[in-house]
């Protein structure tokens, strides 16, 4: 987390299509503004009361991280070089409760519930290891789940403590990179997902004149070398 590059083709000369507004509303009581309606030209980045600010306010993001988010939003030339100090015991605690409590345990067989029983005792030691540089992630547990036609899908299951550290890092970096995403970006973002993307796509197809659609399917992209298959086009 010491350095990052934060320009996304800022000098590109092309312009994207105009606003696409999904017809369906998100299934939540307090809809996220960027998800309810893409109220911006698609080439513009997130602005105003965006998904990150609402979700982070709800999760009590530290004042320091809120300052980082504001700086990333207002100064696109800024390059952050010191972020590790934002990983605090409080952020680690918050990150733990953001994890999936029903997820399968990793190689150490420790579940979310078991780790949580000693959470307050574990957090200071984990925080110290991270800042001293002595923290080491555990091996990822390889397992397989059945698919159609007798095939098996490989999965890598991370230990709960490693998931906790990863989530904390995500929470730090998210306040920076969420300001860079375009309005039509739906993958791996808070408050968004494939269903929202499909809804926006369906709206665009039904309300716009579409000349062509490109569909690319990458098979076994994240698999091990032995599991990887040819790319399907």
C-alpha atoms as a PDB file:
ATOM      1  CA  UNK A   1       0.000   0.000   0.000  1.00  0.00           C
ATOM      2  CA  UNK A   2       2.985   2.343  -0.332  1.00  0.00           C
ATOM      3  CA  UNK A   3       2.304   3.710  -3.746  1.00  0.00           C
ATOM      4  CA  UNK A   4      -0.311   3.718  -6.428  1.00  0.00           C
ATOM      5  CA  UNK A   5      -0.988   4.977  -9.921  1.00  0.00           C
ATOM      6  CA  UNK A   6      -4.298   6.697 -10.216  1.00  0.00           C
ATOM      7  CA  UNK A   7      -4.866   7.914 -13.775  1.00  0.00           C
ATOM      8  CA  UNK A   8      -7.447   6.132 -15.913  1.00  0.00           C
ATOM      9  CA  UNK A   9      -6.848   7.292 -19.490  1.00  0.00           C
ATOM     10  CA  UNK A  10      -7.407  10.899 -18.489  1.00  0.00           C
ATOM     11  CA  UNK A  11      -6.358  12.201 -21.906  1.00  0.00           C
ATOM     12  CA  UNK A  12      -8.665   9.946 -23.918  1.00  0.00           C
ATOM     13  CA  UNK A  13     -10.398  11.789 -26.722  1.00  0.00           C
ATOM     14  CA  UNK A  14     -13.453   9.545 -27.008  1.00  0.00           C
ATOM     15  CA  UNK A  15     -16.808  10.234 -25.410  1.00  0.00           C
ATOM     16  CA  UNK A  16     -19.184   7.598 -24.143  1.00  0.00           C
ATOM     17  CA  UNK A  17     -22.929   7.451 -24.612  1.00  0.00           C
ATOM     18  CA  UNK A  18     -25.229   9.575 -22.513  1.00  0.00           C
ATOM     19  CA  UNK A  19     -26.906   8.608 -19.267  1.00  0.00           C
ATOM     20  CA  UNK A  20     -28.413   5.131 -18.864  1.00  0.00           C
ATOM     21  CA  UNK A  21     -31.049   4.864 -16.142  1.00  0.00           C
ATOM     22  CA  UNK A  22     -31.980   1.374 -14.896  1.00  0.00           C
ATOM     23  CA  UNK A  23     -35.739   0.902 -14.826  1.00  0.00           C
ATOM     24  CA  UNK A  24     -35.797  -1.152 -11.656  1.00  0.00           C
ATOM     25  CA  UNK A  25     -35.034   0.380  -8.297  1.00  0.00           C
ATOM     26  CA  UNK A  26     -32.545  -1.319  -5.940  1.00  0.00           C
ATOM     27  CA  UNK A  27     -34.080  -3.562  -3.304  1.00  0.00           C
ATOM     28  CA  UNK A  28     -33.091  -1.487  -0.327  1.00  0.00           C
ATOM     29  CA  UNK A  29     -34.821   1.087   1.859  1.00  0.00           C
ATOM     30  CA  UNK A  30     -32.186   3.757   1.302  1.00  0.00           C
ATOM     31  CA  UNK A  31     -31.123   3.496  -2.344  1.00  0.00           C
ATOM     32  CA  UNK A  32     -27.617   4.469  -3.340  1.00  0.00           C
ATOM     33  CA  UNK A  33     -27.744   7.429  -5.693  1.00  0.00           C
ATOM     34  CA  UNK A  34     -25.303   6.042  -8.242  1.00  0.00           C
ATOM     35  CA  UNK A  35     -27.298   2.800  -8.438  1.00  0.00           C
ATOM     36  CA  UNK A  36     -30.840   4.133  -8.581  1.00  0.00           C
ATOM     37  CA  UNK A  37     -30.118   6.200 -11.657  1.00  0.00           C
ATOM     38  CA  UNK A  38     -26.884   6.773 -13.480  1.00  0.00           C
ATOM     39  CA  UNK A  39     -27.471  10.491 -13.125  1.00  0.00           C
ATOM     40  CA  UNK A  40     -24.306  11.431 -14.997  1.00  0.00           C
ATOM     41  CA  UNK A  41     -22.703  11.050 -18.357  1.00  0.00           C
ATOM     42  CA  UNK A  42     -21.121   7.603 -18.307  1.00  0.00           C
ATOM     43  CA  UNK A  43     -17.621   8.920 -18.865  1.00  0.00           C
ATOM     44  CA  UNK A  44     -17.727  10.947 -15.677  1.00  0.00           C
ATOM     45  CA  UNK A  45     -16.457   9.546 -12.415  1.00  0.00           C
ATOM     46  CA  UNK A  46     -18.504   9.315  -9.248  1.00  0.00           C
ATOM     47  CA  UNK A  47     -19.382  12.634  -7.696  1.00  0.00           C
ATOM     48  CA  UNK A  48     -21.493  14.039  -4.917  1.00  0.00           C
ATOM     49  CA  UNK A  49     -23.199  11.731  -2.455  1.00  0.00           C
ATOM     50  CA  UNK A  50     -21.886   8.507  -3.956  1.00  0.00           C
ATOM     51  CA  UNK A  51     -22.084   4.866  -2.896  1.00  0.00           C
ATOM     52  CA  UNK A  52     -18.813   4.948  -0.995  1.00  0.00           C
ATOM     53  CA  UNK A  53     -19.628   7.944   1.181  1.00  0.00           C
ATOM     54  CA  UNK A  54     -23.008   6.532   2.231  1.00  0.00           C
ATOM     55  CA  UNK A  55     -21.742   3.039   2.966  1.00  0.00           C
ATOM     56  CA  UNK A  56     -18.659   4.294   4.767  1.00  0.00           C
ATOM     57  CA  UNK A  57     -20.625   6.736   6.874  1.00  0.00           C
ATOM     58  CA  UNK A  58     -22.870   3.860   7.895  1.00  0.00           C
ATOM     59  CA  UNK A  59     -19.800   1.808   8.835  1.00  0.00           C
ATOM     60  CA  UNK A  60     -18.236   4.655  10.840  1.00  0.00           C
ATOM     61  CA  UNK A  61     -15.127   5.108   8.739  1.00  0.00           C
ATOM     62  CA  UNK A  62     -12.422   6.944  10.665  1.00  0.00           C
ATOM     63  CA  UNK A  63     -11.923  10.666  10.244  1.00  0.00           C
ATOM     64  CA  UNK A  64      -8.496   9.958   8.785  1.00  0.00           C
ATOM     65  CA  UNK A  65      -9.910   7.768   6.022  1.00  0.00           C
ATOM     66  CA  UNK A  66     -12.664  10.268   5.334  1.00  0.00           C
ATOM     67  CA  UNK A  67      -9.927  12.835   4.814  1.00  0.00           C
ATOM     68  CA  UNK A  68      -8.204  10.496   2.378  1.00  0.00           C
ATOM     69  CA  UNK A  69     -11.451  10.050   0.457  1.00  0.00           C
ATOM     70  CA  UNK A  70     -11.976  13.805   0.241  1.00  0.00           C
ATOM     71  CA  UNK A  71      -8.416  14.364  -0.955  1.00  0.00           C
ATOM     72  CA  UNK A  72      -8.707  11.608  -3.571  1.00  0.00           C
ATOM     73  CA  UNK A  73     -11.954  13.124  -4.802  1.00  0.00           C
ATOM     74  CA  UNK A  74     -10.779  16.717  -5.038  1.00  0.00           C
ATOM     75  CA  UNK A  75      -7.151  16.250  -6.110  1.00  0.00           C
ATOM     76  CA  UNK A  76      -6.797  13.799  -9.005  1.00  0.00           C
ATOM     77  CA  UNK A  77      -3.030  14.351  -9.165  1.00  0.00           C
ATOM     78  CA  UNK A  78      -2.452  13.269  -5.569  1.00  0.00           C
ATOM     79  CA  UNK A  79      -0.398  10.103  -5.054  1.00  0.00           C
ATOM     80  CA  UNK A  80      -0.856   8.497  -1.637  1.00  0.00           C
ATOM     81  CA  UNK A  81       2.361   6.991  -0.289  1.00  0.00           C
ATOM     82  CA  UNK A  82       1.574   6.333   3.394  1.00  0.00           C
ATOM     83  CA  UNK A  83      -1.634   4.457   4.179  1.00  0.00           C
ATOM     84  CA  UNK A  84      -0.603   1.692   6.559  1.00  0.00           C
ATOM     85  CA  UNK A  85      -1.283   3.783   9.654  1.00  0.00           C
ATOM     86  CA  UNK A  86      -4.977   3.814   8.723  1.00  0.00           C
ATOM     87  CA  UNK A  87      -5.172   0.108   9.545  1.00  0.00           C
ATOM     88  CA  UNK A  88      -6.050   0.477  13.193  1.00  0.00           C
ATOM     89  CA  UNK A  89      -7.521  -1.965  15.716  1.00  0.00           C
ATOM     90  CA  UNK A  90     -10.867  -0.199  15.211  1.00  0.00           C
ATOM     91  CA  UNK A  91     -10.721  -0.724  11.441  1.00  0.00           C
ATOM     92  CA  UNK A  92      -9.737  -4.368  11.932  1.00  0.00           C
ATOM     93  CA  UNK A  93     -12.720  -4.842  14.240  1.00  0.00           C
ATOM     94  CA  UNK A  94     -15.071  -3.216  11.740  1.00  0.00           C
ATOM     95  CA  UNK A  95     -13.618  -5.329   8.928  1.00  0.00           C
ATOM     96  CA  UNK A  96     -14.172  -8.521  10.901  1.00  0.00           C
ATOM     97  CA  UNK A  97     -17.895  -7.831  11.242  1.00  0.00           C
ATOM     98  CA  UNK A  98     -18.124  -7.134   7.510  1.00  0.00           C
ATOM     99  CA  UNK A  99     -17.022 -10.676   6.672  1.00  0.00           C
ATOM    100  CA  UNK A 100     -19.375 -13.465   5.671  1.00  0.00           C
ATOM    101  CA  UNK A 101     -20.180 -15.256   8.900  1.00  0.00           C
ATOM    102  CA  UNK A 102     -21.252 -18.441   7.122  1.00  0.00           C
ATOM    103  CA  UNK A 103     -18.183 -18.788   4.898  1.00  0.00           C
ATOM    104  CA  UNK A 104     -16.274 -22.070   4.965  1.00  0.00           C
ATOM    105  CA  UNK A 105     -13.144 -22.089   7.169  1.00  0.00           C
ATOM    106  CA  UNK A 106      -9.689 -22.034   5.639  1.00  0.00           C
ATOM    107  CA  UNK A 107      -6.713 -24.317   6.129  1.00  0.00           C
ATOM    108  CA  UNK A 108      -6.643 -23.681   9.893  1.00  0.00           C
ATOM    109  CA  UNK A 109     -10.326 -24.781  10.160  1.00  0.00           C
ATOM    110  CA  UNK A 110     -11.168 -21.692  12.249  1.00  0.00           C
ATOM    111  CA  UNK A 111     -14.676 -20.363  11.626  1.00  0.00           C
ATOM    112  CA  UNK A 112     -15.856 -16.770  11.934  1.00  0.00           C
ATOM    113  CA  UNK A 113     -17.648 -17.626  15.187  1.00  0.00           C
ATOM    114  CA  UNK A 114     -14.604 -19.297  16.715  1.00  0.00           C
ATOM    115  CA  UNK A 115     -12.307 -16.418  15.797  1.00  0.00           C
ATOM    116  CA  UNK A 116     -14.828 -13.929  17.170  1.00  0.00           C
ATOM    117  CA  UNK A 117     -14.789 -15.525  20.622  1.00  0.00           C
ATOM    118  CA  UNK A 118     -11.235 -14.227  21.141  1.00  0.00           C
ATOM    119  CA  UNK A 119     -11.476 -11.210  18.858  1.00  0.00           C
ATOM    120  CA  UNK A 120     -10.568  -8.535  21.392  1.00  0.00           C
ATOM    121  CA  UNK A 121      -7.516 -10.513  22.450  1.00  0.00           C
ATOM    122  CA  UNK A 122      -6.413 -11.206  18.873  1.00  0.00           C
ATOM    123  CA  UNK A 123      -6.759  -7.700  17.445  1.00  0.00           C
ATOM    124  CA  UNK A 124      -3.866  -6.000  19.325  1.00  0.00           C
ATOM    125  CA  UNK A 125      -1.446  -8.779  18.364  1.00  0.00           C
ATOM    126  CA  UNK A 126      -2.643  -8.782  14.757  1.00  0.00           C
ATOM    127  CA  UNK A 127      -2.327  -4.995  14.576  1.00  0.00           C
ATOM    128  CA  UNK A 128       1.230  -5.191  15.900  1.00  0.00           C
ATOM    129  CA  UNK A 129       2.230  -7.896  13.421  1.00  0.00           C
ATOM    130  CA  UNK A 130       0.866  -5.888  10.491  1.00  0.00           C
ATOM    131  CA  UNK A 131       2.755  -2.728  11.434  1.00  0.00           C
ATOM    132  CA  UNK A 132       5.985  -4.544  12.269  1.00  0.00           C
ATOM    133  CA  UNK A 133       5.884  -6.362   8.938  1.00  0.00           C
ATOM    134  CA  UNK A 134       5.904  -9.770  10.613  1.00  0.00           C
ATOM    135  CA  UNK A 135       2.399 -10.786   9.567  1.00  0.00           C
ATOM    136  CA  UNK A 136       2.372 -13.777   7.216  1.00  0.00           C
ATOM    137  CA  UNK A 137      -0.694 -15.089   5.451  1.00  0.00           C
ATOM    138  CA  UNK A 138      -1.549 -18.772   5.702  1.00  0.00           C
ATOM    139  CA  UNK A 139      -1.715 -21.063   2.669  1.00  0.00           C
ATOM    140  CA  UNK A 140      -5.010 -21.053   0.784  1.00  0.00           C
ATOM    141  CA  UNK A 141      -7.069 -24.226   1.073  1.00  0.00           C
ATOM    142  CA  UNK A 142      -7.800 -25.758  -2.341  1.00  0.00           C
ATOM    143  CA  UNK A 143     -11.135 -27.459  -2.736  1.00  0.00           C
ATOM    144  CA  UNK A 144     -13.455 -28.361  -5.600  1.00  0.00           C
ATOM    145  CA  UNK A 145     -17.200 -28.085  -6.095  1.00  0.00           C
ATOM    146  CA  UNK A 146     -19.124 -30.114  -8.687  1.00  0.00           C
ATOM    147  CA  UNK A 147     -20.358 -28.486 -11.897  1.00  0.00           C
ATOM    148  CA  UNK A 148     -22.450 -29.632 -14.834  1.00  0.00           C
ATOM    149  CA  UNK A 149     -21.352 -32.610 -16.924  1.00  0.00           C
ATOM    150  CA  UNK A 150     -19.159 -34.018 -14.164  1.00  0.00           C
ATOM    151  CA  UNK A 151     -16.743 -31.095 -14.136  1.00  0.00           C
ATOM    152  CA  UNK A 152     -15.366 -29.554 -10.948  1.00  0.00           C
ATOM    153  CA  UNK A 153     -14.763 -25.916 -10.165  1.00  0.00           C
ATOM    154  CA  UNK A 154     -11.618 -25.156  -8.129  1.00  0.00           C
ATOM    155  CA  UNK A 155     -11.967 -22.856  -5.141  1.00  0.00           C
ATOM    156  CA  UNK A 156      -9.361 -21.291  -2.895  1.00  0.00           C
ATOM    157  CA  UNK A 157     -10.566 -20.758   0.681  1.00  0.00           C
ATOM    158  CA  UNK A 158      -8.661 -18.179   2.697  1.00  0.00           C
ATOM    159  CA  UNK A 159      -8.178 -18.410   6.471  1.00  0.00           C
ATOM    160  CA  UNK A 160     -10.473 -16.119   8.466  1.00  0.00           C
ATOM    161  CA  UNK A 161      -7.664 -13.940   9.813  1.00  0.00           C
ATOM    162  CA  UNK A 162      -6.289 -13.417   6.311  1.00  0.00           C
ATOM    163  CA  UNK A 163      -9.786 -12.449   5.144  1.00  0.00           C
ATOM    164  CA  UNK A 164      -9.898  -9.952   7.980  1.00  0.00           C
ATOM    165  CA  UNK A 165      -6.626  -8.330   6.925  1.00  0.00           C
ATOM    166  CA  UNK A 166      -7.680  -8.307   3.278  1.00  0.00           C
ATOM    167  CA  UNK A 167     -10.971  -6.612   4.159  1.00  0.00           C
ATOM    168  CA  UNK A 168      -9.145  -3.957   6.157  1.00  0.00           C
ATOM    169  CA  UNK A 169      -6.891  -3.232   3.177  1.00  0.00           C
ATOM    170  CA  UNK A 170      -9.957  -3.060   0.922  1.00  0.00           C
ATOM    171  CA  UNK A 171     -11.570  -0.529   3.265  1.00  0.00           C
ATOM    172  CA  UNK A 172      -8.497   1.691   3.072  1.00  0.00           C
ATOM    173  CA  UNK A 173      -8.036   1.499  -0.696  1.00  0.00           C
ATOM    174  CA  UNK A 174     -11.743   1.754  -1.475  1.00  0.00           C
ATOM    175  CA  UNK A 175     -11.963   5.351  -0.260  1.00  0.00           C
ATOM    176  CA  UNK A 176      -9.407   6.236  -2.945  1.00  0.00           C
ATOM    177  CA  UNK A 177     -10.370   4.117  -5.902  1.00  0.00           C
ATOM    178  CA  UNK A 178     -14.144   4.525  -5.631  1.00  0.00           C
ATOM    179  CA  UNK A 179     -13.635   8.130  -6.744  1.00  0.00           C
ATOM    180  CA  UNK A 180     -12.012   6.870  -9.966  1.00  0.00           C
ATOM    181  CA  UNK A 181     -14.674   4.438 -11.152  1.00  0.00           C
ATOM    182  CA  UNK A 182     -17.009   5.325 -13.981  1.00  0.00           C
ATOM    183  CA  UNK A 183     -20.756   5.286 -13.495  1.00  0.00           C
ATOM    184  CA  UNK A 184     -21.168   2.179 -15.646  1.00  0.00           C
ATOM    185  CA  UNK A 185     -18.738   0.117 -13.555  1.00  0.00           C
ATOM    186  CA  UNK A 186     -20.597  -2.491 -11.488  1.00  0.00           C
ATOM    187  CA  UNK A 187     -18.041  -5.156 -10.600  1.00  0.00           C
ATOM    188  CA  UNK A 188     -16.850  -5.624  -7.010  1.00  0.00           C
ATOM    189  CA  UNK A 189     -18.166  -2.282  -5.797  1.00  0.00           C
ATOM    190  CA  UNK A 190     -20.224  -1.564  -2.662  1.00  0.00           C
ATOM    191  CA  UNK A 191     -23.945  -1.520  -3.304  1.00  0.00           C
ATOM    192  CA  UNK A 192     -23.541  -2.881  -6.842  1.00  0.00           C
ATOM    193  CA  UNK A 193     -23.375  -6.239  -8.562  1.00  0.00           C
ATOM    194  CA  UNK A 194     -24.205  -8.267 -11.669  1.00  0.00           C
ATOM    195  CA  UNK A 195     -27.973  -7.914 -11.246  1.00  0.00           C
ATOM    196  CA  UNK A 196     -27.729  -4.123 -11.287  1.00  0.00           C
ATOM    197  CA  UNK A 197     -25.448  -4.312 -14.325  1.00  0.00           C
ATOM    198  CA  UNK A 198     -27.872  -6.569 -16.199  1.00  0.00           C
ATOM    199  CA  UNK A 199     -30.726  -4.230 -15.385  1.00  0.00           C
ATOM    200  CA  UNK A 200     -28.833  -1.232 -16.791  1.00  0.00           C
ATOM    201  CA  UNK A 201     -27.858  -3.267 -19.853  1.00  0.00           C
ATOM    202  CA  UNK A 202     -31.455  -4.337 -20.488  1.00  0.00           C
ATOM    203  CA  UNK A 203     -32.606  -0.739 -20.162  1.00  0.00           C
ATOM    204  CA  UNK A 204     -29.997   0.403 -22.671  1.00  0.00           C
ATOM    205  CA  UNK A 205     -30.945  -2.303 -25.172  1.00  0.00           C
ATOM    206  CA  UNK A 206     -34.652  -1.528 -24.914  1.00  0.00           C
ATOM    207  CA  UNK A 207     -34.356   2.249 -25.077  1.00  0.00           C
ATOM    208  CA  UNK A 208     -31.393   2.831 -27.393  1.00  0.00           C
ATOM    209  CA  UNK A 209     -30.525   2.018 -30.967  1.00  0.00           C
ATOM    210  CA  UNK A 210     -27.933  -0.760 -30.597  1.00  0.00           C
ATOM    211  CA  UNK A 211     -25.779  -1.739 -33.588  1.00  0.00           C
ATOM    212  CA  UNK A 212     -23.780  -4.532 -32.005  1.00  0.00           C
ATOM    213  CA  UNK A 213     -23.129  -6.331 -28.711  1.00  0.00           C
ATOM    214  CA  UNK A 214     -19.870  -7.994 -27.741  1.00  0.00           C
ATOM    215  CA  UNK A 215     -19.996 -10.988 -25.397  1.00  0.00           C
ATOM    216  CA  UNK A 216     -16.744 -12.429 -24.029  1.00  0.00           C
ATOM    217  CA  UNK A 217     -16.659 -15.375 -21.635  1.00  0.00           C
ATOM    218  CA  UNK A 218     -13.364 -16.229 -19.899  1.00  0.00           C
ATOM    219  CA  UNK A 219     -13.368 -19.769 -18.594  1.00  0.00           C
ATOM    220  CA  UNK A 220     -11.343 -20.805 -15.527  1.00  0.00           C
ATOM    221  CA  UNK A 221      -9.616 -17.432 -15.490  1.00  0.00           C
ATOM    222  CA  UNK A 222      -8.710 -17.650 -11.806  1.00  0.00           C
ATOM    223  CA  UNK A 223      -7.929 -21.358 -11.779  1.00  0.00           C
ATOM    224  CA  UNK A 224      -4.542 -22.934 -11.199  1.00  0.00           C
ATOM    225  CA  UNK A 225      -2.400 -23.611 -14.301  1.00  0.00           C
ATOM    226  CA  UNK A 226      -3.596 -27.191 -14.413  1.00  0.00           C
ATOM    227  CA  UNK A 227      -7.216 -26.093 -14.174  1.00  0.00           C
ATOM    228  CA  UNK A 228      -7.095 -23.370 -16.804  1.00  0.00           C
ATOM    229  CA  UNK A 229      -8.987 -23.896 -20.033  1.00  0.00           C
ATOM    230  CA  UNK A 230      -9.070 -22.127 -23.356  1.00  0.00           C
ATOM    231  CA  UNK A 231     -10.735 -18.747 -23.576  1.00  0.00           C
ATOM    232  CA  UNK A 232     -14.205 -18.987 -25.072  1.00  0.00           C
ATOM    233  CA  UNK A 233     -15.059 -16.145 -27.465  1.00  0.00           C
END
